[in-house]
Amino acid sequence: MSGRWHEVLTGVALVRGGELARQTVAYEKTEVRFAQMTET
């Protein structure tokens, strides 16, 4: 992972039951780069 680009996905799901049942889903994609790590 060190020194490379990665995609991070963060998501949330909201669900309400009952007579007024409803469902909402959302996510966000972020690109991050990890710094190069040394052996020490």
C-alpha atoms as a PDB file:
ATOM      1  CA  MET A   1       0.000   0.000   0.000  1.00  0.00           C
ATOM      2  CA  SER A   2       2.954   2.260   0.675  1.00  0.00           C
ATOM      3  CA  GLY A   3       3.578   4.934  -1.965  1.00  0.00           C
ATOM      4  CA  ARG A   4       0.539   4.004  -4.084  1.00  0.00           C
ATOM      5  CA  TRP A   5      -2.866   5.487  -4.946  1.00  0.00           C
ATOM      6  CA  HIS A   6      -5.993   3.837  -3.525  1.00  0.00           C
ATOM      7  CA  GLU A   7      -9.765   4.308  -3.717  1.00  0.00           C
ATOM      8  CA  VAL A   8     -11.651   4.595  -0.427  1.00  0.00           C
ATOM      9  CA  LEU A   9     -15.415   4.031  -0.493  1.00  0.00           C
ATOM     10  CA  THR A  10     -17.532   5.384   2.361  1.00  0.00           C
ATOM     11  CA  GLY A  11     -21.197   4.504   2.454  1.00  0.00           C
ATOM     12  CA  VAL A  12     -24.333   4.806   4.535  1.00  0.00           C
ATOM     13  CA  ALA A  13     -27.750   3.147   4.344  1.00  0.00           C
ATOM     14  CA  LEU A  14     -30.805   4.481   6.190  1.00  0.00           C
ATOM     15  CA  VAL A  15     -33.892   2.299   6.488  1.00  0.00           C
ATOM     16  CA  ARG A  16     -37.238   3.140   8.074  1.00  0.00           C
ATOM     17  CA  GLY A  17     -39.916   0.493   8.433  1.00  0.00           C
ATOM     18  CA  GLY A  18     -43.589   0.701   9.168  1.00  0.00           C
ATOM     19  CA  GLU A  19     -46.376   2.403   7.282  1.00  0.00           C
ATOM     20  CA  LEU A  20     -44.038   5.080   5.875  1.00  0.00           C
ATOM     21  CA  ALA A  21     -41.263   2.642   4.908  1.00  0.00           C
ATOM     22  CA  ARG A  22     -38.331   4.267   3.185  1.00  0.00           C
ATOM     23  CA  GLN A  23     -34.775   3.405   2.206  1.00  0.00           C
ATOM     24  CA  THR A  24     -31.922   5.766   1.308  1.00  0.00           C
ATOM     25  CA  VAL A  25     -28.423   4.763   0.245  1.00  0.00           C
ATOM     26  CA  ALA A  26     -25.449   7.053  -0.449  1.00  0.00           C
ATOM     27  CA  TYR A  27     -21.722   6.672  -0.976  1.00  0.00           C
ATOM     28  CA  GLU A  28     -18.662   8.743  -1.736  1.00  0.00           C
ATOM     29  CA  LYS A  29     -15.471   7.645  -3.485  1.00  0.00           C
ATOM     30  CA  THR A  30     -12.199   9.317  -2.515  1.00  0.00           C
ATOM     31  CA  GLU A  31      -8.750   8.766  -4.012  1.00  0.00           C
ATOM     32  CA  VAL A  32      -5.900   8.832  -1.527  1.00  0.00           C
ATOM     33  CA  ARG A  33      -2.159   8.321  -1.806  1.00  0.00           C
ATOM     34  CA  PHE A  34      -0.240   6.673   0.990  1.00  0.00           C
ATOM     35  CA  ALA A  35       3.177   8.126   1.740  1.00  0.00           C
ATOM     36  CA  GLN A  36       6.198   5.944   1.053  1.00  0.00           C
ATOM     37  CA  MET A  37       7.123   4.061   4.222  1.00  0.00           C
ATOM     38  CA  THR A  38      10.638   3.090   5.195  1.00  0.00           C
ATOM     39  CA  GLU A  39      11.810  -0.186   6.741  1.00  0.00           C
ATOM     40  CA  THR A  40      12.936   1.496   9.993  1.00  0.00           C
END
